[in-house]
Amino acid sequence: MSETLLAYQRSTYAVWEITLKCNLACSHCGSRAGDARPNELSTDEALDLVRQLDEAGVKEVTLIGGEAYLRKDWLEIAAEITRRGMVCTVTTGGLGVSAHMAAKMKAAGIASVSLSIDGLEATHDRLRGVPGSWNAAIRALQHLREAGIQIAVNTQINRRTWLELEALYELLQPTGAHGWQVQLTVPMGNAADDSEVLLQPYELLDLFPRLAALAERGRREGFRMAAGNNVGYFGPYEGLLRSLGTQDAHWQGCQAGVSTLGIEADGAIKGCPSLPTGPYTGANIRDLTLAQIIEQTEPLNFIRRKIADPSLATEDLWGFCKGCYYADVCRAGCNWTAHVFFGKRGNNPYCHHRALEQQARGVRERLVQVAAAPGAPFDHGLFEIVEEPWG
């Protein structure tokens, strides 16, 4: 391995699905969570993985599911992450987060929790598949805040939620949450079975000015809106939406395997937790050490190669993204989004810059599903792009 590539060897952030067991039934769940995976890591294996994460230089570990708290030893895992000096955070739907559980989470050293809240009560409960789940999530915010744990919120944007964003801001801003991350729903897992829920690329032209207005308001009111990895890409609001505090920033390319790791409950290691399992798993932690997987496997190195050798930056690009002015830096945005639409990375339809460029040409793009998903965790169907006259 080259000296340049070694400079990008270590990841600093890991998202760990410690069980696929879940007490919600989300219609947009990419992992099709519900039952535990066969052969999930044992407690001893999980604790050893914590050691390896520490030795690999990981600084923060986010525990997810399914629902992380449905695994009996989850607080033991969280406490070991904290004991080793890493920051332990959690993402949850909040259905089972009581005041008692929040106190135990605080005792285990969990520093921050992000609650998944997708809209107002009726919309959220419909998407999450459990009546009362919205009220439970709102109560969980209060329990966690009272326990002294920092809280945040994450929201999926799709056809069922996007008209409620302003009302949701009004609801969330007074809760004491330090931030609000928004992400576009893509056709993975359960969401691949209901393509009508997906926004069309041309609808981004209506969405992004609204997001920008909310982000600007959040700056003034101390409630930071953060763009998820598949939101943005060099449109006029990119700096605002991807800012840290008041400092503008911009997308710098997919970080899968560079600064992030994804871990599935049975020990599969990916460069990003959202990527499809088959093509993006480096190896299983039961077969290789974490260091070996990071250093030696192509699915953990394909982005590092591009950083080490800029001449490779656009090698996977095709379609609109291949000829884009920002291709060398953007590298087609979020690889997860591109892959679950088209079965390969390199051409991302969810791009604000792209939608604006197409509008200037007098056309708009529409995504049409041509193949169904097979029904496995992190699976996807296939889509085609149809160009239509604008308006």
Protein backbone atom coordinates (compact mmCIF):
# COMPACT_ATOMS: atom_id res chain seq x y z
CA MET A 1 0.00 0.00 0.00
CA SER A 2 1.36 3.43 -0.91
CA GLU A 3 2.46 5.98 1.68
CA THR A 4 -0.22 8.34 0.38
CA LEU A 5 -2.94 5.74 0.83
CA LEU A 6 -1.72 4.94 4.33
CA ALA A 7 -2.38 8.57 5.24
CA TYR A 8 -6.10 7.85 4.78
CA GLN A 9 -6.04 4.52 6.57
CA ARG A 10 -7.90 5.33 9.75
CA SER A 11 -11.56 6.10 10.16
CA THR A 12 -12.81 8.27 12.99
CA TYR A 13 -16.54 7.52 13.09
CA ALA A 14 -18.37 4.19 13.16
CA VAL A 15 -22.09 3.48 12.97
CA TRP A 16 -22.83 0.09 14.48
CA GLU A 17 -26.08 -1.78 13.98
CA ILE A 18 -25.86 -3.97 17.07
CA THR A 19 -29.13 -5.77 16.33
CA LEU A 20 -31.68 -5.76 13.54
CA LYS A 21 -34.47 -6.44 16.03
CA CYS A 22 -36.97 -3.57 16.05
CA ASN A 23 -40.30 -2.66 17.68
CA LEU A 24 -41.34 -0.31 14.88
CA ALA A 25 -42.45 -1.19 11.34
CA CYS A 26 -41.16 1.72 9.28
CA SER A 27 -42.32 1.78 5.68
CA HIS A 28 -39.09 3.50 4.63
CA CYS A 29 -36.64 1.31 6.59
CA GLY A 30 -33.61 0.54 4.44
CA SER A 31 -32.55 -2.48 6.49
CA ARG A 32 -36.06 -3.96 6.71
CA ALA A 33 -35.55 -4.19 10.48
CA GLY A 34 -37.87 -6.30 12.58
CA ASP A 35 -36.32 -9.61 13.57
CA ALA A 36 -32.76 -10.01 14.80
CA ARG A 37 -30.25 -11.12 12.19
CA PRO A 38 -29.21 -14.76 12.28
CA ASN A 39 -25.90 -15.17 14.09
CA GLU A 40 -25.54 -11.67 15.55
CA LEU A 41 -22.29 -11.02 17.39
CA SER A 42 -22.07 -12.43 20.91
CA THR A 43 -21.28 -10.18 23.86
CA ASP A 44 -17.65 -11.30 23.87
CA GLU A 45 -17.34 -10.69 20.13
CA ALA A 46 -18.94 -7.27 20.45
CA LEU A 47 -16.65 -6.22 23.28
CA ASP A 48 -13.62 -7.38 21.31
CA LEU A 49 -14.83 -5.32 18.37
CA VAL A 50 -14.97 -2.30 20.69
CA ARG A 51 -11.29 -2.92 21.44
CA GLN A 52 -10.48 -3.11 17.75
CA LEU A 53 -12.40 0.10 17.03
CA ASP A 54 -10.34 1.86 19.68
CA GLU A 55 -7.09 0.50 18.29
CA ALA A 56 -8.10 1.58 14.77
CA GLY A 57 -8.39 5.19 15.91
CA VAL A 58 -12.18 5.49 15.90
CA LYS A 59 -13.25 8.47 17.98
CA GLU A 60 -17.05 8.13 18.00
CA VAL A 61 -19.38 5.13 17.78
CA THR A 62 -23.11 5.50 17.11
CA LEU A 63 -25.21 2.51 18.16
CA ILE A 64 -28.26 1.84 16.00
CA GLY A 65 -30.61 -1.01 15.12
CA GLY A 66 -33.25 -2.03 14.47
CA GLU A 67 -33.48 -0.64 17.94
CA ALA A 68 -30.20 -0.84 19.83
CA TYR A 69 -31.91 -1.07 23.23
CA LEU A 70 -33.60 -4.35 22.25
CA ARG A 71 -30.25 -6.09 22.56
CA LYS A 72 -29.87 -7.13 26.21
CA ASP A 73 -26.18 -6.27 26.52
CA TRP A 74 -26.39 -2.93 24.71
CA LEU A 75 -25.53 -0.81 27.76
CA GLU A 76 -22.55 -3.04 28.49
CA ILE A 77 -21.32 -2.36 24.95
CA ALA A 78 -21.99 1.37 25.36
CA ALA A 79 -20.14 1.47 28.68
CA GLU A 80 -17.11 -0.27 27.16
CA ILE A 81 -17.03 2.23 24.29
CA THR A 82 -17.02 5.04 26.85
CA ARG A 83 -14.45 3.33 29.09
CA ARG A 84 -12.02 3.18 26.20
CA GLY A 85 -12.31 6.92 25.63
CA MET A 86 -14.51 6.92 22.55
CA VAL A 87 -17.70 8.96 22.38
CA CYS A 88 -20.81 6.77 22.42
CA THR A 89 -23.97 8.09 20.76
CA VAL A 90 -27.28 6.46 19.83
CA THR A 91 -29.90 6.85 17.11
CA THR A 92 -33.37 5.61 18.03
CA GLY A 93 -37.06 5.80 17.24
CA GLY A 94 -37.59 6.28 20.97
CA LEU A 95 -40.59 3.99 21.42
CA GLY A 96 -39.13 2.29 24.49
CA VAL A 97 -37.07 5.13 25.96
CA SER A 98 -38.50 5.72 29.43
CA ALA A 99 -37.14 7.98 32.15
CA HIS A 100 -35.60 4.89 33.80
CA MET A 101 -33.89 3.85 30.58
CA ALA A 102 -32.61 7.38 29.98
CA ALA A 103 -30.99 7.36 33.42
CA LYS A 104 -29.28 4.04 32.65
CA MET A 105 -28.07 5.42 29.32
CA LYS A 106 -26.53 8.37 31.12
CA ALA A 107 -24.83 6.04 33.60
CA ALA A 108 -23.36 4.04 30.71
CA GLY A 109 -21.76 7.22 29.39
CA ILE A 110 -23.94 7.75 26.31
CA ALA A 111 -23.21 11.34 25.34
CA SER A 112 -25.88 12.14 22.76
CA VAL A 113 -29.04 10.61 21.30
CA SER A 114 -30.69 11.42 17.98
CA LEU A 115 -34.44 10.78 17.81
CA SER A 116 -35.99 9.86 14.47
CA ILE A 117 -39.03 12.12 13.99
CA ASP A 118 -40.35 12.25 10.45
CA GLY A 119 -43.26 14.65 10.58
CA LEU A 120 -46.29 15.62 12.60
CA GLU A 121 -48.14 12.96 14.58
CA ALA A 122 -50.33 11.34 11.91
CA THR A 123 -47.59 11.32 9.27
CA HIS A 124 -44.94 10.00 11.64
CA ASP A 125 -47.14 7.23 12.99
CA ARG A 126 -48.10 6.19 9.46
CA LEU A 127 -44.48 5.99 8.35
CA ARG A 128 -43.30 4.28 11.53
CA GLY A 129 -46.13 1.75 11.45
CA VAL A 130 -47.00 1.96 15.16
CA PRO A 131 -49.77 4.18 16.56
CA GLY A 132 -48.42 6.30 19.41
CA SER A 133 -44.82 6.21 18.18
CA TRP A 134 -44.77 9.99 17.66
CA ASN A 135 -45.88 10.68 21.22
CA ALA A 136 -43.31 8.19 22.48
CA ALA A 137 -40.54 9.95 20.54
CA ILE A 138 -41.55 13.35 21.94
CA ARG A 139 -41.58 11.92 25.48
CA ALA A 140 -38.18 10.35 24.85
CA LEU A 141 -36.74 13.78 24.00
CA GLN A 142 -37.90 15.02 27.39
CA HIS A 143 -36.64 11.98 29.31
CA LEU A 144 -33.20 12.18 27.72
CA ARG A 145 -32.89 15.92 28.26
CA GLU A 146 -33.87 15.52 31.92
CA ALA A 147 -31.28 12.75 32.29
CA GLY A 148 -28.59 15.18 31.11
CA ILE A 149 -28.02 13.61 27.68
CA GLN A 150 -27.61 15.88 24.67
CA ILE A 151 -30.44 15.39 22.17
CA ALA A 152 -30.81 15.85 18.42
CA VAL A 153 -33.41 14.94 15.81
CA ASN A 154 -33.20 13.32 12.38
CA THR A 155 -35.90 13.43 9.71
CA GLN A 156 -36.52 11.60 6.44
CA ILE A 157 -37.77 13.86 3.64
CA ASN A 158 -40.17 12.27 1.18
CA ARG A 159 -43.58 12.84 -0.38
CA ARG A 160 -45.33 12.21 2.95
CA THR A 161 -43.15 14.49 5.07
CA TRP A 162 -41.83 17.35 2.95
CA LEU A 163 -44.84 19.63 3.30
CA GLU A 164 -44.62 19.44 7.11
CA LEU A 165 -41.02 20.61 7.52
CA GLU A 166 -41.88 24.15 8.60
CA ALA A 167 -44.42 22.92 11.14
CA LEU A 168 -41.95 20.32 12.38
CA TYR A 169 -39.33 23.04 12.89
CA GLU A 170 -41.79 24.97 15.07
CA LEU A 171 -42.32 21.84 17.14
CA LEU A 172 -38.68 20.81 17.50
CA GLN A 173 -36.91 24.12 18.01
CA PRO A 174 -38.15 24.63 21.61
CA THR A 175 -37.30 21.06 22.73
CA GLY A 176 -33.67 21.79 23.58
CA ALA A 177 -32.35 19.66 20.71
CA HIS A 178 -28.98 20.97 19.57
CA GLY A 179 -29.49 20.07 15.92
CA TRP A 180 -31.71 18.63 13.22
CA GLN A 181 -30.37 16.41 10.45
CA VAL A 182 -32.43 15.95 7.31
CA GLN A 183 -31.99 13.16 4.76
CA LEU A 184 -33.79 12.28 1.54
CA THR A 185 -35.59 8.94 1.51
CA VAL A 186 -34.14 6.64 -1.16
CA PRO A 187 -35.40 3.31 -2.56
CA MET A 188 -33.64 0.89 -0.24
CA GLY A 189 -35.34 -1.86 1.73
CA ASN A 190 -38.97 -1.13 2.54
CA ALA A 191 -38.82 2.20 0.69
CA ALA A 192 -38.01 0.31 -2.51
CA ASP A 193 -41.45 -1.30 -2.28
CA ASP A 194 -43.25 2.07 -2.36
CA SER A 195 -41.60 4.23 -5.00
CA GLU A 196 -44.46 6.74 -4.90
CA VAL A 197 -43.11 8.02 -1.58
CA LEU A 198 -39.89 9.21 -3.25
CA LEU A 199 -39.37 12.79 -4.33
CA GLN A 200 -38.68 13.33 -8.00
CA PRO A 201 -35.43 15.16 -8.85
CA TYR A 202 -37.23 18.24 -10.19
CA GLU A 203 -39.06 18.61 -6.86
CA LEU A 204 -35.73 19.49 -5.27
CA LEU A 205 -36.17 22.92 -6.86
CA ASP A 206 -39.12 23.51 -4.54
CA LEU A 207 -37.56 21.77 -1.54
CA PHE A 208 -34.16 23.45 -1.31
CA PRO A 209 -35.29 27.08 -0.93
CA ARG A 210 -37.47 25.92 1.97
CA LEU A 211 -34.60 24.04 3.58
CA ALA A 212 -32.39 27.09 3.18
CA ALA A 213 -34.96 29.32 4.88
CA LEU A 214 -35.18 26.90 7.80
CA ALA A 215 -31.39 26.62 8.03
CA GLU A 216 -31.03 30.40 8.07
CA ARG A 217 -33.67 30.67 10.78
CA GLY A 218 -31.93 27.93 12.73
CA ARG A 219 -28.69 29.90 12.66
CA ARG A 220 -30.44 32.84 14.26
CA GLU A 221 -32.26 30.73 16.84
CA GLY A 222 -29.49 28.29 17.80
CA PHE A 223 -31.09 25.23 16.21
CA ARG A 224 -28.70 23.98 13.57
CA MET A 225 -30.08 22.16 10.54
CA ALA A 226 -27.53 19.71 9.13
CA ALA A 227 -27.70 18.32 5.62
CA GLY A 228 -27.38 14.55 5.47
CA ASN A 229 -25.04 12.91 2.98
CA ASN A 230 -27.58 12.83 0.17
CA VAL A 231 -28.74 16.44 0.50
CA GLY A 232 -27.17 19.25 -1.49
CA TYR A 233 -24.20 19.27 -3.91
CA PHE A 234 -23.12 22.69 -5.08
CA GLY A 235 -26.44 24.42 -5.51
CA PRO A 236 -26.81 28.02 -4.30
CA TYR A 237 -27.58 26.93 -0.73
CA GLU A 238 -24.79 24.34 -0.37
CA GLY A 239 -22.68 26.41 2.03
CA LEU A 240 -25.62 27.22 4.26
CA LEU A 241 -27.01 23.68 4.39
CA ARG A 242 -23.66 22.01 5.03
CA SER A 243 -22.37 24.64 7.44
CA LEU A 244 -20.99 24.05 10.90
CA GLY A 245 -22.42 26.80 13.05
CA THR A 246 -21.98 29.98 11.02
CA GLN A 247 -19.04 28.77 8.92
CA ASP A 248 -20.03 27.73 5.42
CA ALA A 249 -18.75 24.44 4.02
CA HIS A 250 -19.30 22.31 0.96
CA TRP A 251 -19.55 18.65 0.01
CA GLN A 252 -16.11 17.05 -0.28
CA GLY A 253 -17.03 13.66 -1.67
CA CYS A 254 -18.21 10.39 -0.16
CA GLN A 255 -16.28 9.47 3.00
CA ALA A 256 -17.08 5.74 3.04
CA GLY A 257 -14.08 3.97 4.54
CA VAL A 258 -12.20 7.25 4.88
CA SER A 259 -13.71 8.86 7.97
CA THR A 260 -16.62 6.46 8.45
CA LEU A 261 -17.28 2.77 9.01
CA GLY A 262 -20.53 0.80 9.00
CA ILE A 263 -20.94 -2.38 11.06
CA GLU A 264 -23.82 -4.83 10.70
CA ALA A 265 -25.03 -6.91 13.63
CA ASP A 266 -23.52 -10.14 12.32
CA GLY A 267 -20.06 -8.56 11.98
CA ALA A 268 -20.06 -7.42 8.33
CA ILE A 269 -17.88 -4.32 7.91
CA LYS A 270 -18.69 -1.65 5.31
CA GLY A 271 -17.30 1.80 4.63
CA CYS A 272 -20.70 3.38 5.33
CA PRO A 273 -23.68 1.98 7.25
CA SER A 274 -26.16 2.83 4.47
CA LEU A 275 -24.39 1.06 1.61
CA PRO A 276 -25.84 -2.21 0.28
CA THR A 277 -24.35 -5.21 2.03
CA GLY A 278 -23.26 -7.39 -0.91
CA PRO A 279 -21.08 -5.12 -3.04
CA TYR A 280 -19.75 -2.98 -0.19
CA THR A 281 -18.83 -5.41 2.60
CA GLY A 282 -15.06 -5.66 2.99
CA ALA A 283 -15.20 -8.78 5.15
CA ASN A 284 -16.70 -10.10 8.37
CA ILE A 285 -15.01 -9.35 11.66
CA ARG A 286 -15.09 -13.08 12.38
CA ASP A 287 -12.86 -13.73 9.38
CA LEU A 288 -10.39 -10.83 9.46
CA THR A 289 -9.39 -8.27 12.07
CA LEU A 290 -10.80 -4.77 11.72
CA ALA A 291 -7.34 -3.46 10.84
CA GLN A 292 -7.02 -6.01 8.04
CA ILE A 293 -10.46 -5.17 6.67
CA ILE A 294 -9.71 -1.43 6.67
CA GLU A 295 -6.26 -1.80 5.16
CA GLN A 296 -6.68 -4.64 2.70
CA THR A 297 -10.20 -4.87 1.25
CA GLU A 298 -11.35 -3.00 -1.86
CA PRO A 299 -14.84 -2.03 -0.54
CA LEU A 300 -13.10 -0.15 2.28
CA ASN A 301 -10.51 1.39 -0.02
CA PHE A 302 -12.25 2.50 -3.20
CA ILE A 303 -12.65 6.09 -1.95
CA ARG A 304 -9.14 6.23 -0.47
CA ARG A 305 -7.71 5.29 -3.85
CA LYS A 306 -9.43 8.29 -5.40
CA ILE A 307 -8.07 10.61 -2.72
CA ALA A 308 -4.57 9.19 -3.04
CA ASP A 309 -4.64 9.47 -6.84
CA PRO A 310 -6.83 12.35 -8.07
CA SER A 311 -6.65 10.99 -11.62
CA LEU A 312 -9.03 8.24 -10.43
CA ALA A 313 -11.59 10.66 -8.97
CA THR A 314 -14.07 10.28 -11.82
CA GLU A 315 -13.35 6.68 -12.86
CA ASP A 316 -16.78 5.41 -11.72
CA LEU A 317 -18.83 8.35 -12.98
CA TRP A 318 -21.38 8.12 -15.78
CA GLY A 319 -24.42 9.98 -17.06
CA PHE A 320 -24.85 13.60 -16.00
CA CYS A 321 -22.26 13.33 -13.22
CA LYS A 322 -19.50 12.29 -15.62
CA GLY A 323 -19.53 15.65 -17.37
CA CYS A 324 -20.38 17.84 -14.37
CA TYR A 325 -18.20 20.86 -13.60
CA TYR A 326 -17.86 19.64 -9.98
CA ALA A 327 -17.10 16.00 -10.85
CA ASP A 328 -13.54 15.91 -9.46
CA VAL A 329 -14.64 17.16 -6.03
CA CYS A 330 -18.18 15.83 -5.73
CA ARG A 331 -17.54 12.38 -7.25
CA ALA A 332 -21.30 11.96 -7.81
CA GLY A 333 -22.30 12.79 -4.27
CA CYS A 334 -23.63 9.99 -2.06
CA ASN A 335 -22.71 6.55 -3.42
CA TRP A 336 -25.53 4.95 -1.43
CA THR A 337 -28.12 7.08 -3.19
CA ALA A 338 -26.77 6.41 -6.68
CA HIS A 339 -26.39 2.67 -6.11
CA VAL A 340 -29.89 2.03 -4.81
CA PHE A 341 -31.42 3.82 -7.78
CA PHE A 342 -29.30 2.32 -10.55
CA GLY A 343 -27.48 -0.71 -9.15
CA LYS A 344 -24.10 1.04 -9.40
CA ARG A 345 -22.51 4.19 -8.11
CA GLY A 346 -21.43 7.19 -10.16
CA ASN A 347 -24.60 9.06 -11.22
CA ASN A 348 -26.67 10.75 -8.54
CA PRO A 349 -30.16 12.00 -9.46
CA TYR A 350 -30.70 13.79 -6.11
CA CYS A 351 -28.56 16.86 -6.79
CA HIS A 352 -29.69 20.47 -6.56
CA HIS A 353 -27.06 21.71 -9.03
CA ARG A 354 -28.13 19.04 -11.49
CA ALA A 355 -31.82 19.94 -11.23
CA LEU A 356 -31.00 23.59 -11.85
CA GLU A 357 -28.83 22.76 -14.84
CA GLN A 358 -31.55 20.58 -16.34
CA GLN A 359 -34.14 23.30 -15.77
CA ALA A 360 -31.88 25.75 -17.64
CA ARG A 361 -31.88 23.27 -20.53
CA GLY A 362 -35.69 23.23 -20.46
CA VAL A 363 -35.97 19.64 -19.20
CA ARG A 364 -36.71 17.83 -16.00
CA GLU A 365 -35.78 14.32 -14.89
CA ARG A 366 -38.25 11.73 -13.63
CA LEU A 367 -37.29 8.43 -12.00
CA VAL A 368 -39.25 5.35 -13.08
CA GLN A 369 -38.91 2.00 -11.32
CA VAL A 370 -38.20 -0.86 -13.72
CA ALA A 371 -37.32 -3.68 -11.29
CA ALA A 372 -38.55 -4.55 -7.81
CA ALA A 373 -36.35 -5.17 -4.79
CA PRO A 374 -35.90 -8.84 -3.79
CA GLY A 375 -36.90 -8.31 -0.14
CA ALA A 376 -33.64 -8.57 1.83
CA PRO A 377 -32.01 -6.08 4.26
CA PHE A 378 -30.31 -3.18 2.45
CA ASP A 379 -31.66 -4.33 -0.93
CA HIS A 380 -32.91 -2.17 -3.78
CA GLY A 381 -34.70 -2.31 -7.10
CA LEU A 382 -33.70 -0.52 -10.28
CA PHE A 383 -34.79 2.79 -11.78
CA GLU A 384 -34.40 4.57 -15.09
CA ILE A 385 -34.20 8.30 -15.75
CA VAL A 386 -36.74 9.80 -18.12
CA GLU A 387 -36.16 13.31 -19.44
CA GLU A 388 -39.26 15.40 -20.04
CA PRO A 389 -39.84 18.96 -21.28
CA TRP A 390 -39.90 21.33 -18.33
CA GLY A 391 -43.44 22.19 -17.28
